[in-house]
Amino acid sequence: MDSRLLDILVCPICKGPLEFDKKAQELICHADRLAYPIRDGIPIMWADEARETVARHLAPPG
């Protein structure tokens, strides 16, 4: 992944910084706990293509 590209890419949801995970070939947004895949060297920056990195907990009902 080109470091210049990493400098300008941000999370499409929160506009926060992304961290490149070379082994997993993903861009990680720690704020939203999402990982965006990189396929054939192209970051896929659609929220519906991202996976959750940590399970989000919902408040109990009531």
Protein backbone atom coordinates (compact mmCIF):
# COMPACT_ATOMS: atom_id res chain seq x y z
CA MET A 1 0.00 0.00 0.00
CA ASP A 2 1.42 3.36 -1.04
CA SER A 3 2.15 5.51 2.04
CA ARG A 4 1.03 8.65 0.16
CA LEU A 5 -2.37 7.05 -0.36
CA LEU A 6 -2.57 6.16 3.33
CA ASP A 7 -1.93 9.81 4.19
CA ILE A 8 -5.06 10.95 2.34
CA LEU A 9 -7.49 8.08 2.96
CA VAL A 10 -9.89 8.42 5.89
CA CYS A 11 -12.75 6.34 7.23
CA PRO A 12 -15.83 7.07 5.11
CA ILE A 13 -18.02 7.03 8.22
CA CYS A 14 -16.18 9.12 10.83
CA LYS A 15 -13.48 10.70 8.62
CA GLY A 16 -10.90 9.45 11.11
CA PRO A 17 -7.45 8.00 10.37
CA LEU A 18 -6.94 4.47 9.11
CA GLU A 19 -4.20 1.99 10.00
CA PHE A 20 -2.84 -0.40 7.38
CA ASP A 21 -2.75 -4.05 8.42
CA LYS A 22 -0.31 -5.52 5.91
CA LYS A 23 -0.86 -9.16 6.93
CA ALA A 24 -4.66 -8.99 6.67
CA GLN A 25 -4.62 -6.53 3.74
CA GLU A 26 -7.10 -4.24 5.46
CA LEU A 27 -7.43 -0.63 6.50
CA ILE A 28 -8.55 -0.41 10.13
CA CYS A 29 -10.65 2.36 11.67
CA HIS A 30 -10.20 1.99 15.42
CA ALA A 31 -12.89 4.58 16.23
CA ASP A 32 -15.63 2.69 14.38
CA ARG A 33 -14.06 -0.76 14.93
CA LEU A 34 -14.25 -1.50 11.20
CA ALA A 35 -11.81 -3.07 8.76
CA TYR A 36 -11.98 -2.19 5.07
CA PRO A 37 -10.58 -4.83 2.71
CA ILE A 38 -7.88 -4.20 0.11
CA ARG A 39 -8.45 -6.26 -3.03
CA ASP A 40 -5.85 -6.38 -5.80
CA GLY A 41 -4.20 -3.32 -4.24
CA ILE A 42 -7.43 -1.28 -4.22
CA PRO A 43 -8.99 -0.21 -0.91
CA ILE A 44 -12.71 -1.00 -0.82
CA MET A 45 -14.06 1.93 1.18
CA TRP A 46 -17.76 1.06 1.27
CA ALA A 47 -19.24 0.68 4.74
CA ASP A 48 -21.24 -2.37 3.68
CA GLU A 49 -17.99 -4.12 2.63
CA ALA A 50 -16.29 -3.47 5.99
CA ARG A 51 -16.16 -6.06 8.75
CA GLU A 52 -16.44 -5.36 12.46
CA THR A 53 -13.13 -5.82 14.23
CA VAL A 54 -14.66 -6.09 17.73
CA ALA A 55 -18.22 -7.14 18.51
CA ARG A 56 -20.37 -4.17 19.32
CA HIS A 57 -22.40 -4.60 22.46
CA LEU A 58 -25.97 -3.40 22.62
CA ALA A 59 -27.45 -2.05 25.81
CA PRO A 60 -29.80 -4.52 27.49
CA PRO A 61 -33.50 -3.80 26.91
CA GLY A 62 -35.44 -1.93 29.54
